[in-house]
Amino acid sequence: MSEFSDPKQAYAPSRGQDPRRRRLMRLDAAGVSLIEIMLALTIMATALLAIGGLMFQVARHAEQSTVATYRSAAVTSAAAWVQALPWDSLDTMAPGSNGQR
């Protein structure tokens, strides 16, 4: 537990103590300074900007991955269609043949 269980005791003058010591005790009990808050906000803003930049990169890579997935599915579908064709109908399916033998 702290030296002062009651916050009012930190400001009460004590007999036999140096006045400078009482002033330091008041500063210790004062709380967080404005500089500490500004420093914490600066660190947090820097971290959030870095995370925001990463979010845009991740979104761009996810979009590229989606496009590659759709292309791969189209190629796989075309390959499956070609594999499913009977061999005797390949010449009729050729471009420009008009279905004639």
N, C-alpha and C. Protein backbone atom coordinates (compact mmCIF):
# COMPACT_ATOMS: atom_id res chain seq x y z
N MET A 1 0.85 -1.17 0.00
CA MET A 1 0.00 0.00 0.00
C MET A 1 0.89 1.24 0.00
N SER A 2 0.38 2.36 -0.43
CA SER A 2 1.19 3.56 -0.53
C SER A 2 1.47 4.15 0.84
N GLU A 3 2.33 5.12 0.83
CA GLU A 3 2.71 5.79 2.07
C GLU A 3 1.51 6.53 2.66
N PHE A 4 0.63 7.02 1.79
CA PHE A 4 -0.54 7.75 2.24
C PHE A 4 -1.79 6.98 1.83
N SER A 5 -2.52 6.52 2.82
CA SER A 5 -3.75 5.79 2.49
C SER A 5 -4.85 6.78 2.15
N ASP A 6 -4.78 7.97 2.68
CA ASP A 6 -5.76 9.01 2.38
C ASP A 6 -5.10 10.03 1.45
N PRO A 7 -5.68 10.33 0.28
CA PRO A 7 -5.05 11.27 -0.65
C PRO A 7 -4.85 12.66 -0.06
N LYS A 8 -5.67 13.04 0.92
CA LYS A 8 -5.52 14.37 1.52
C LYS A 8 -4.24 14.48 2.33
N GLN A 9 -3.74 13.37 2.83
CA GLN A 9 -2.52 13.39 3.61
C GLN A 9 -1.31 13.77 2.77
N ALA A 10 -1.36 13.56 1.47
CA ALA A 10 -0.23 13.90 0.61
C ALA A 10 -0.01 15.40 0.57
N TYR A 11 -1.05 16.17 0.82
CA TYR A 11 -0.93 17.63 0.77
C TYR A 11 -0.83 18.25 2.16
N ALA A 12 -1.06 17.48 3.17
CA ALA A 12 -1.01 18.02 4.53
C ALA A 12 0.44 18.21 4.96
N PRO A 13 0.74 19.37 5.53
CA PRO A 13 2.12 19.58 5.99
C PRO A 13 2.44 18.64 7.14
N SER A 14 3.64 18.16 7.14
CA SER A 14 4.07 17.23 8.16
C SER A 14 5.18 17.90 8.97
N ARG A 15 5.20 17.67 10.26
CA ARG A 15 6.24 18.28 11.09
C ARG A 15 7.58 17.61 10.85
N GLY A 16 8.59 18.40 10.74
CA GLY A 16 9.93 17.89 10.63
C GLY A 16 10.34 17.50 9.21
N GLN A 17 9.49 17.77 8.22
CA GLN A 17 9.85 17.45 6.84
C GLN A 17 10.33 18.69 6.12
N ASP A 18 11.21 18.45 5.19
CA ASP A 18 11.73 19.52 4.35
C ASP A 18 10.61 20.03 3.42
N PRO A 19 10.45 21.33 3.21
CA PRO A 19 9.39 21.83 2.32
C PRO A 19 9.55 21.33 0.88
N ARG A 20 10.80 21.12 0.47
CA ARG A 20 11.01 20.59 -0.89
C ARG A 20 10.49 19.17 -1.00
N ARG A 21 10.62 18.41 0.04
CA ARG A 21 10.13 17.03 0.05
C ARG A 21 8.61 17.02 -0.06
N ARG A 22 7.94 17.94 0.64
CA ARG A 22 6.49 18.02 0.55
C ARG A 22 6.06 18.40 -0.86
N ARG A 23 6.82 19.28 -1.52
CA ARG A 23 6.49 19.67 -2.90
C ARG A 23 6.65 18.48 -3.84
N LEU A 24 7.69 17.67 -3.65
CA LEU A 24 7.88 16.48 -4.49
C LEU A 24 6.76 15.47 -4.27
N MET A 25 6.31 15.33 -3.06
CA MET A 25 5.22 14.40 -2.80
C MET A 25 3.96 14.87 -3.51
N ARG A 26 3.72 16.19 -3.55
CA ARG A 26 2.55 16.71 -4.25
C ARG A 26 2.67 16.43 -5.75
N LEU A 27 3.88 16.57 -6.30
CA LEU A 27 4.07 16.31 -7.72
C LEU A 27 3.87 14.83 -8.04
N ASP A 28 4.32 13.95 -7.15
CA ASP A 28 4.13 12.52 -7.37
C ASP A 28 2.64 12.16 -7.34
N ALA A 29 1.89 12.82 -6.50
CA ALA A 29 0.48 12.52 -6.36
C ALA A 29 -0.37 13.25 -7.39
N ALA A 30 0.24 14.10 -8.22
CA ALA A 30 -0.52 14.93 -9.15
C ALA A 30 -1.16 14.11 -10.26
N GLY A 31 -0.56 13.03 -10.69
CA GLY A 31 -1.13 12.21 -11.75
C GLY A 31 -0.32 12.27 -13.02
N VAL A 32 -0.99 12.14 -14.15
CA VAL A 32 -0.34 12.07 -15.45
C VAL A 32 -0.20 13.48 -16.01
N SER A 33 0.98 13.77 -16.54
CA SER A 33 1.20 15.10 -17.09
C SER A 33 0.73 15.18 -18.54
N LEU A 34 0.61 16.39 -19.03
CA LEU A 34 0.17 16.63 -20.40
C LEU A 34 1.18 16.07 -21.39
N ILE A 35 2.46 16.15 -21.07
CA ILE A 35 3.50 15.63 -21.97
C ILE A 35 3.37 14.12 -22.10
N GLU A 36 3.08 13.43 -21.01
CA GLU A 36 2.91 11.98 -21.08
C GLU A 36 1.70 11.61 -21.93
N ILE A 37 0.64 12.38 -21.82
CA ILE A 37 -0.55 12.11 -22.63
C ILE A 37 -0.24 12.34 -24.10
N MET A 38 0.45 13.44 -24.41
CA MET A 38 0.80 13.74 -25.81
C MET A 38 1.71 12.66 -26.38
N LEU A 39 2.66 12.19 -25.60
CA LEU A 39 3.56 11.14 -26.06
C LEU A 39 2.79 9.84 -26.32
N ALA A 40 1.88 9.50 -25.43
CA ALA A 40 1.07 8.29 -25.62
C ALA A 40 0.19 8.40 -26.86
N LEU A 41 -0.40 9.58 -27.09
CA LEU A 41 -1.23 9.78 -28.27
C LEU A 41 -0.41 9.72 -29.55
N THR A 42 0.81 10.24 -29.51
CA THR A 42 1.68 10.18 -30.69
C THR A 42 2.05 8.75 -31.03
N ILE A 43 2.39 7.97 -30.03
CA ILE A 43 2.74 6.56 -30.25
C ILE A 43 1.52 5.80 -30.79
N MET A 44 0.35 6.05 -30.21
CA MET A 44 -0.85 5.37 -30.66
C MET A 44 -1.22 5.76 -32.09
N ALA A 45 -1.07 7.05 -32.44
CA ALA A 45 -1.39 7.50 -33.79
C ALA A 45 -0.44 6.88 -34.81
N THR A 46 0.83 6.79 -34.46
CA THR A 46 1.80 6.16 -35.36
C THR A 46 1.46 4.69 -35.59
N ALA A 47 1.12 4.00 -34.53
CA ALA A 47 0.76 2.58 -34.65
C ALA A 47 -0.51 2.41 -35.50
N LEU A 48 -1.50 3.27 -35.30
CA LEU A 48 -2.73 3.15 -36.06
C LEU A 48 -2.52 3.47 -37.54
N LEU A 49 -1.64 4.42 -37.85
CA LEU A 49 -1.33 4.71 -39.25
C LEU A 49 -0.65 3.52 -39.91
N ALA A 50 0.26 2.88 -39.20
CA ALA A 50 0.93 1.71 -39.75
C ALA A 50 -0.07 0.57 -39.99
N ILE A 51 -0.96 0.36 -39.06
CA ILE A 51 -1.96 -0.70 -39.21
C ILE A 51 -2.91 -0.36 -40.36
N GLY A 52 -3.26 0.92 -40.51
CA GLY A 52 -4.13 1.33 -41.62
C GLY A 52 -3.48 1.06 -42.97
N GLY A 53 -2.18 1.35 -43.09
CA GLY A 53 -1.47 1.05 -44.33
C GLY A 53 -1.46 -0.44 -44.63
N LEU A 54 -1.29 -1.24 -43.60
CA LEU A 54 -1.31 -2.69 -43.79
C LEU A 54 -2.68 -3.18 -44.23
N MET A 55 -3.73 -2.54 -43.73
CA MET A 55 -5.08 -2.96 -44.12
C MET A 55 -5.31 -2.76 -45.62
N PHE A 56 -4.81 -1.65 -46.17
CA PHE A 56 -4.97 -1.42 -47.60
C PHE A 56 -4.19 -2.44 -48.41
N GLN A 57 -2.99 -2.78 -47.96
CA GLN A 57 -2.20 -3.80 -48.67
C GLN A 57 -2.90 -5.16 -48.62
N VAL A 58 -3.43 -5.52 -47.49
CA VAL A 58 -4.12 -6.81 -47.35
C VAL A 58 -5.35 -6.84 -48.25
N ALA A 59 -6.10 -5.74 -48.32
CA ALA A 59 -7.29 -5.70 -49.18
C ALA A 59 -6.91 -5.84 -50.64
N ARG A 60 -5.82 -5.19 -51.06
CA ARG A 60 -5.38 -5.29 -52.45
C ARG A 60 -4.94 -6.72 -52.78
N HIS A 61 -4.20 -7.35 -51.88
CA HIS A 61 -3.76 -8.73 -52.13
C HIS A 61 -4.94 -9.70 -52.12
N ALA A 62 -5.93 -9.44 -51.29
CA ALA A 62 -7.11 -10.31 -51.27
C ALA A 62 -7.87 -10.20 -52.59
N GLU A 63 -7.96 -8.99 -53.15
CA GLU A 63 -8.63 -8.81 -54.44
C GLU A 63 -7.86 -9.53 -55.56
N GLN A 64 -6.53 -9.41 -55.54
CA GLN A 64 -5.72 -10.10 -56.54
C GLN A 64 -5.86 -11.61 -56.40
N SER A 65 -5.93 -12.09 -55.18
CA SER A 65 -6.10 -13.52 -54.94
C SER A 65 -7.45 -14.01 -55.45
N THR A 66 -8.48 -13.20 -55.27
CA THR A 66 -9.82 -13.56 -55.75
C THR A 66 -9.82 -13.68 -57.27
N VAL A 67 -9.19 -12.72 -57.95
CA VAL A 67 -9.13 -12.76 -59.41
C VAL A 67 -8.37 -14.01 -59.88
N ALA A 68 -7.26 -14.32 -59.23
CA ALA A 68 -6.49 -15.51 -59.60
C ALA A 68 -7.30 -16.78 -59.36
N THR A 69 -8.10 -16.81 -58.31
CA THR A 69 -8.94 -17.98 -58.03
C THR A 69 -9.99 -18.17 -59.11
N TYR A 70 -10.64 -17.08 -59.53
CA TYR A 70 -11.64 -17.17 -60.60
C TYR A 70 -11.01 -17.63 -61.91
N ARG A 71 -9.82 -17.13 -62.22
CA ARG A 71 -9.13 -17.56 -63.45
C ARG A 71 -8.80 -19.04 -63.39
N SER A 72 -8.31 -19.48 -62.24
CA SER A 72 -7.96 -20.89 -62.08
C SER A 72 -9.21 -21.77 -62.21
N ALA A 73 -10.33 -21.33 -61.66
CA ALA A 73 -11.56 -22.10 -61.78
C ALA A 73 -12.02 -22.17 -63.22
N ALA A 74 -11.87 -21.07 -63.98
CA ALA A 74 -12.27 -21.08 -65.39
C ALA A 74 -11.39 -22.03 -66.20
N VAL A 75 -10.09 -22.02 -65.94
CA VAL A 75 -9.18 -22.93 -66.65
C VAL A 75 -9.50 -24.38 -66.30
N THR A 76 -9.74 -24.65 -65.04
CA THR A 76 -10.07 -26.00 -64.61
C THR A 76 -11.38 -26.47 -65.25
N SER A 77 -12.37 -25.59 -65.35
CA SER A 77 -13.64 -25.92 -65.97
C SER A 77 -13.46 -26.23 -67.46
N ALA A 78 -12.65 -25.41 -68.14
CA ALA A 78 -12.40 -25.65 -69.57
C ALA A 78 -11.66 -26.97 -69.77
N ALA A 79 -10.68 -27.25 -68.92
CA ALA A 79 -9.94 -28.51 -69.03
C ALA A 79 -10.85 -29.71 -68.77
N ALA A 80 -11.75 -29.60 -67.82
CA ALA A 80 -12.68 -30.69 -67.55
C ALA A 80 -13.63 -30.89 -68.72
N TRP A 81 -14.05 -29.80 -69.35
CA TRP A 81 -14.94 -29.90 -70.51
C TRP A 81 -14.24 -30.62 -71.65
N VAL A 82 -12.96 -30.29 -71.90
CA VAL A 82 -12.20 -30.93 -72.98
C VAL A 82 -11.98 -32.40 -72.66
N GLN A 83 -11.70 -32.73 -71.43
CA GLN A 83 -11.48 -34.12 -71.06
C GLN A 83 -12.75 -34.95 -71.17
N ALA A 84 -13.91 -34.31 -71.01
CA ALA A 84 -15.17 -35.04 -71.06
C ALA A 84 -15.65 -35.28 -72.49
N LEU A 85 -15.05 -34.64 -73.48
CA LEU A 85 -15.47 -34.83 -74.87
C LEU A 85 -15.09 -36.22 -75.37
N PRO A 86 -15.99 -36.86 -76.08
CA PRO A 86 -15.60 -38.13 -76.71
C PRO A 86 -14.60 -37.87 -77.83
N TRP A 87 -13.67 -38.80 -78.05
CA TRP A 87 -12.60 -38.61 -79.03
C TRP A 87 -13.13 -38.54 -80.47
N ASP A 88 -14.20 -39.23 -80.75
CA ASP A 88 -14.69 -39.23 -82.13
C ASP A 88 -15.40 -37.92 -82.50
N SER A 89 -15.72 -37.05 -81.55
CA SER A 89 -16.39 -35.80 -81.86
C SER A 89 -15.43 -34.61 -81.85
N LEU A 90 -14.14 -34.84 -81.71
CA LEU A 90 -13.19 -33.73 -81.63
C LEU A 90 -13.09 -32.96 -82.94
N ASP A 91 -13.15 -33.65 -84.11
CA ASP A 91 -13.02 -32.92 -85.36
C ASP A 91 -14.26 -32.07 -85.65
N THR A 92 -15.42 -32.47 -85.14
CA THR A 92 -16.63 -31.67 -85.36
C THR A 92 -16.68 -30.48 -84.43
N MET A 93 -15.92 -30.50 -83.36
CA MET A 93 -15.92 -29.41 -82.40
C MET A 93 -14.84 -28.39 -82.72
N ALA A 94 -14.01 -28.66 -83.70
CA ALA A 94 -12.91 -27.73 -84.04
C ALA A 94 -13.49 -26.45 -84.63
N PRO A 95 -12.85 -25.33 -84.36
CA PRO A 95 -13.34 -24.06 -84.90
C PRO A 95 -13.26 -24.05 -86.43
N GLY A 96 -14.28 -23.57 -87.08
CA GLY A 96 -14.30 -23.48 -88.53
C GLY A 96 -14.74 -24.74 -89.23
N SER A 97 -15.06 -25.81 -88.52
CA SER A 97 -15.45 -27.07 -89.17
C SER A 97 -16.94 -27.10 -89.52
N ASN A 98 -17.73 -26.25 -88.87
CA ASN A 98 -19.17 -26.18 -89.09
C ASN A 98 -19.87 -27.51 -88.90
N GLY A 99 -19.28 -28.40 -88.13
CA GLY A 99 -19.90 -29.69 -87.86
C GLY A 99 -19.87 -30.65 -89.03
N GLN A 100 -19.11 -30.41 -90.07
CA GLN A 100 -19.05 -31.28 -91.24
C GLN A 100 -17.79 -32.16 -91.15
N ARG A 101 -17.91 -33.36 -91.72
CA ARG A 101 -16.76 -34.29 -91.76
C ARG A 101 -16.16 -34.32 -93.10
